[in-house]
Amino acid sequence: MTPLTSFGPSFLYSEYKYLVTPRAVPVVRLLLESQLGPRPAFADGVVRSVYYDTIDRRLLGQCKDGAAHKRKFRVRRYDDLDWIQLQVKLKRGFAVAKLKCSTTLARPPGSWPGAAPELPGAVAMNALSAATGPLRPVVEIRYRRERFRARDFRVTLDTAIVGEPRDGLTGALLSRVAPGVAVLEIKTPSPTPTLPPGISQLVQFSAFSKYAIVMRTLLGETDVLCMPQLH
């Protein structure tokens, strides 16, 4: 497989996800605010993403099977802006490379639009989508994102997560889901995650992304939300 660092204008980091119960969210937020450095610009906002998958849900299958190599294709919108970014996310274990291309879509299209050839990263992005096969919109996920930064790592706390199926998803049992958990993410160049002091006992490490949690809930696989009792 091509090394992640060869995909041109991408950035490489390690990513770790943790589930947070609603009761623990205020405490986790307070600990993050008190222990990390000054908040970055645009520290809070609403993120909306439409995810694309193949007709046989091959990319979701990668998540469910715990595949070492995973891909995600999405169109992302921040706050009330237009759908301004095409993103391809590649994972190898915990290592992540992300390709981004700007777009001016008024709304997500009914199939993966591809990137304009003249844009940086477009060649790699379009090659990856072609190799994956025809992609269809399967779910839209919205959440509030709070951003924190300290030294060489970034922390995000995603709350009020809501997912709705899109036209490309077949077999959904629900028309809307709100999983009821928040997701804490750490993005760092270090291969070993470091949680700020006091937070480890309030969160549960998760092998599932928001995409996998929402999709599996829509499809009736509610076991994914079975969490140990957190303090």
Protein backbone atom coordinates (compact mmCIF):
# COMPACT_ATOMS: atom_id res chain seq x y z
CA MET A 1 0.00 0.00 0.00
CA THR A 2 1.25 3.51 -0.76
CA PRO A 3 2.72 5.22 2.33
CA LEU A 4 0.41 7.79 3.86
CA THR A 5 3.08 10.48 3.57
CA SER A 6 3.15 10.16 -0.23
CA PHE A 7 -0.32 11.61 -0.75
CA GLY A 8 0.95 15.13 -1.34
CA PRO A 9 -0.74 17.97 0.59
CA SER A 10 -1.86 15.98 3.61
CA PHE A 11 -0.91 16.02 7.27
CA LEU A 12 0.06 12.98 9.27
CA TYR A 13 -0.83 12.41 12.90
CA SER A 14 -2.17 9.78 15.28
CA GLU A 15 -5.80 9.93 16.37
CA TYR A 16 -7.46 8.43 19.43
CA LYS A 17 -11.18 8.52 20.29
CA TYR A 18 -12.96 8.27 23.63
CA LEU A 19 -16.67 8.12 24.49
CA VAL A 20 -18.00 10.49 27.14
CA THR A 21 -21.35 10.09 28.88
CA PRO A 22 -23.62 13.17 29.09
CA ARG A 23 -23.11 13.31 32.84
CA ALA A 24 -19.33 13.48 32.44
CA VAL A 25 -19.26 16.11 29.67
CA PRO A 26 -19.32 19.21 31.94
CA VAL A 27 -16.49 17.85 34.08
CA VAL A 28 -14.39 16.88 31.05
CA ARG A 29 -14.96 20.32 29.52
CA LEU A 30 -13.91 22.05 32.73
CA LEU A 31 -10.73 19.96 32.97
CA LEU A 32 -9.84 20.72 29.35
CA GLU A 33 -10.42 24.44 29.82
CA SER A 34 -8.35 24.59 33.00
CA GLN A 35 -5.41 22.44 31.89
CA LEU A 36 -4.82 23.24 28.23
CA GLY A 37 -3.47 26.41 26.71
CA PRO A 38 -5.37 29.33 25.14
CA ARG A 39 -8.26 28.26 22.91
CA PRO A 40 -7.49 28.39 19.17
CA ALA A 41 -9.28 30.73 16.77
CA PHE A 42 -12.79 29.51 15.90
CA ALA A 43 -12.70 27.33 19.00
CA ASP A 44 -16.40 26.41 18.93
CA GLY A 45 -18.77 25.68 16.08
CA VAL A 46 -21.15 23.31 14.37
CA VAL A 47 -19.72 20.71 11.99
CA ARG A 48 -21.87 19.00 9.36
CA SER A 49 -20.58 16.14 7.23
CA VAL A 50 -22.17 13.96 4.57
CA TYR A 51 -20.37 10.62 4.34
CA TYR A 52 -20.17 8.53 1.17
CA ASP A 53 -19.88 4.75 0.87
CA THR A 54 -20.25 2.03 -1.73
CA ILE A 55 -23.56 0.28 -2.34
CA ASP A 56 -22.37 -2.69 -0.28
CA ARG A 57 -21.14 -0.40 2.53
CA ARG A 58 -17.55 -1.49 2.12
CA LEU A 59 -16.15 1.47 4.07
CA LEU A 60 -18.46 0.86 7.02
CA GLY A 61 -17.36 -2.78 6.87
CA GLN A 62 -13.77 -1.66 7.35
CA CYS A 63 -14.80 0.01 10.61
CA LYS A 64 -16.87 -2.94 11.84
CA ASP A 65 -14.17 -5.48 11.00
CA GLY A 66 -11.40 -3.47 12.65
CA ALA A 67 -9.45 -3.33 9.39
CA ALA A 68 -5.93 -1.93 9.69
CA HIS A 69 -6.48 0.26 6.63
CA LYS A 70 -9.59 2.43 6.44
CA ARG A 71 -10.92 5.16 4.15
CA LYS A 72 -13.60 7.80 4.60
CA PHE A 73 -15.02 10.15 1.98
CA ARG A 74 -17.04 13.16 3.11
CA VAL A 75 -18.22 16.63 2.22
CA ARG A 76 -17.92 18.97 5.19
CA ARG A 77 -19.54 22.24 6.21
CA TYR A 78 -18.65 24.52 9.11
CA ASP A 79 -21.37 26.57 10.85
CA ASP A 80 -23.56 28.28 8.24
CA LEU A 81 -21.02 28.32 5.42
CA ASP A 82 -21.51 26.46 2.15
CA TRP A 83 -20.31 22.88 1.83
CA ILE A 84 -16.74 24.00 1.37
CA GLN A 85 -14.51 20.94 1.66
CA LEU A 86 -14.16 17.54 0.12
CA GLN A 87 -12.19 15.33 2.48
CA VAL A 88 -10.62 11.90 2.17
CA LYS A 89 -9.37 10.41 5.42
CA LEU A 90 -6.97 7.49 5.40
CA LYS A 91 -6.14 5.47 8.50
CA ARG A 92 -3.47 2.87 9.13
CA GLY A 93 -3.91 1.73 12.69
CA PHE A 94 -4.01 5.00 14.60
CA ALA A 95 -2.03 6.91 11.96
CA VAL A 96 -4.06 9.34 9.87
CA ALA A 97 -3.54 11.24 6.63
CA LYS A 98 -6.18 13.64 5.41
CA LEU A 99 -6.65 15.16 1.97
CA LYS A 100 -8.75 18.31 1.65
CA CYS A 101 -9.98 20.13 -1.43
CA SER A 102 -12.08 23.27 -1.47
CA THR A 103 -15.40 23.31 -3.23
CA THR A 104 -18.32 25.71 -3.60
CA LEU A 105 -21.21 23.25 -3.40
CA ALA A 106 -24.52 24.72 -2.30
CA ARG A 107 -25.48 21.25 -1.09
CA PRO A 108 -23.90 17.78 -1.15
CA PRO A 109 -24.45 16.00 -4.49
CA GLY A 110 -26.02 12.60 -4.97
CA SER A 111 -22.70 10.96 -5.81
CA TRP A 112 -19.09 11.66 -4.84
CA PRO A 113 -18.27 14.81 -6.84
CA GLY A 114 -14.52 14.41 -7.13
CA ALA A 115 -12.07 17.29 -6.91
CA ALA A 116 -11.32 19.80 -9.65
CA PRO A 117 -8.09 18.59 -11.28
CA GLU A 118 -6.28 21.89 -10.80
CA LEU A 119 -6.66 21.86 -7.00
CA PRO A 120 -3.80 20.71 -4.75
CA GLY A 121 -4.33 17.10 -3.72
CA ALA A 122 -6.95 16.47 -6.40
CA VAL A 123 -4.97 13.80 -8.25
CA ALA A 124 -4.51 11.65 -5.14
CA MET A 125 -8.08 12.25 -3.97
CA ASN A 126 -9.61 11.32 -7.31
CA ALA A 127 -7.39 8.26 -7.65
CA LEU A 128 -8.51 7.02 -4.22
CA SER A 129 -12.20 7.49 -5.02
CA ALA A 130 -11.80 5.75 -8.39
CA ALA A 131 -10.07 2.81 -6.73
CA THR A 132 -12.82 2.55 -4.11
CA GLY A 133 -15.68 2.42 -6.62
CA PRO A 134 -18.93 4.37 -7.07
CA LEU A 135 -19.68 6.32 -3.90
CA ARG A 136 -23.14 7.35 -2.70
CA PRO A 137 -24.21 9.62 0.20
CA VAL A 138 -25.26 7.42 3.10
CA VAL A 139 -25.50 9.62 6.20
CA GLU A 140 -25.31 13.22 7.38
CA ILE A 141 -23.82 13.78 10.81
CA ARG A 142 -24.00 17.05 12.76
CA TYR A 143 -22.43 17.96 16.08
CA ARG A 144 -21.04 20.82 18.13
CA ARG A 145 -17.25 20.83 18.19
CA GLU A 146 -15.14 22.48 20.90
CA ARG A 147 -11.45 22.77 20.06
CA PHE A 148 -8.51 22.82 22.45
CA ARG A 149 -4.78 22.84 21.78
CA ALA A 150 -1.73 22.25 23.94
CA ARG A 151 1.86 21.97 22.78
CA ASP A 152 1.97 19.49 19.89
CA PHE A 153 -1.49 17.95 20.18
CA ARG A 154 -5.07 18.98 19.55
CA VAL A 155 -8.14 17.92 21.48
CA THR A 156 -11.73 18.16 20.31
CA LEU A 157 -14.93 17.51 22.24
CA ASP A 158 -17.93 16.69 20.03
CA THR A 159 -21.38 16.90 21.64
CA ALA A 160 -25.03 16.96 20.50
CA ILE A 161 -24.26 14.36 17.81
CA VAL A 162 -27.17 13.73 15.43
CA GLY A 163 -27.28 11.52 12.34
CA GLU A 164 -29.79 11.15 9.52
CA PRO A 165 -29.71 8.71 6.59
CA ARG A 166 -29.21 10.01 3.07
CA ASP A 167 -30.55 8.63 -0.20
CA GLY A 168 -27.69 6.20 -0.70
CA LEU A 169 -28.34 4.24 2.49
CA THR A 170 -30.62 1.22 2.25
CA GLY A 171 -31.91 -0.78 5.19
CA ALA A 172 -31.99 2.03 7.75
CA LEU A 173 -34.45 1.29 10.56
CA LEU A 174 -34.50 4.85 11.89
CA SER A 175 -34.89 8.27 10.28
CA ARG A 176 -32.84 10.11 12.88
CA VAL A 177 -30.51 9.11 15.70
CA ALA A 178 -28.90 10.97 18.58
CA PRO A 179 -26.53 8.41 20.11
CA GLY A 180 -26.46 10.13 23.49
CA VAL A 181 -22.70 10.07 23.92
CA ALA A 182 -20.05 12.69 23.26
CA VAL A 183 -16.75 11.93 21.57
CA LEU A 184 -13.38 13.20 22.76
CA GLU A 185 -10.62 13.04 20.16
CA ILE A 186 -6.89 13.52 20.58
CA LYS A 187 -4.78 14.26 17.51
CA THR A 188 -1.05 14.15 18.11
CA PRO A 189 2.22 13.34 16.28
CA SER A 190 3.05 11.03 19.18
CA PRO A 191 2.24 7.31 18.78
CA THR A 192 1.13 7.27 22.42
CA PRO A 193 -1.93 9.29 23.49
CA THR A 194 -1.74 11.43 26.61
CA LEU A 195 -5.00 12.39 28.28
CA PRO A 196 -4.96 15.52 30.44
CA PRO A 197 -4.87 14.62 34.18
CA GLY A 198 -8.18 13.60 35.69
CA ILE A 199 -9.90 12.72 32.43
CA SER A 200 -8.94 9.07 31.95
CA GLN A 201 -11.46 7.80 34.52
CA LEU A 202 -14.27 9.83 32.91
CA VAL A 203 -13.97 8.46 29.36
CA GLN A 204 -13.99 5.11 27.57
CA PHE A 205 -11.59 4.36 24.72
CA SER A 206 -13.52 3.67 21.52
CA ALA A 207 -12.52 1.80 18.40
CA PHE A 208 -15.54 3.31 16.61
CA SER A 209 -15.77 6.70 14.95
CA LYS A 210 -18.85 8.92 14.95
CA TYR A 211 -19.54 7.62 11.45
CA ALA A 212 -19.53 4.00 12.59
CA ILE A 213 -21.57 4.73 15.74
CA VAL A 214 -24.29 6.60 13.85
CA MET A 215 -24.43 4.19 10.92
CA ARG A 216 -24.65 1.12 13.11
CA THR A 217 -27.37 2.75 15.21
CA LEU A 218 -29.37 3.64 12.09
CA LEU A 219 -29.09 0.03 10.96
CA GLY A 220 -30.24 -1.35 14.31
CA GLU A 221 -26.89 -2.61 15.57
CA THR A 222 -27.37 -0.99 18.97
CA ASP A 223 -24.72 -3.13 20.66
CA VAL A 224 -22.15 -0.55 19.60
CA LEU A 225 -23.50 1.81 22.28
CA CYS A 226 -23.10 -0.66 25.14
CA MET A 227 -20.56 1.08 27.36
CA PRO A 228 -19.10 0.07 30.71
CA GLN A 229 -20.34 2.17 33.62
CA LEU A 230 -18.23 5.31 33.72
CA HIS A 231 -17.60 7.29 36.89
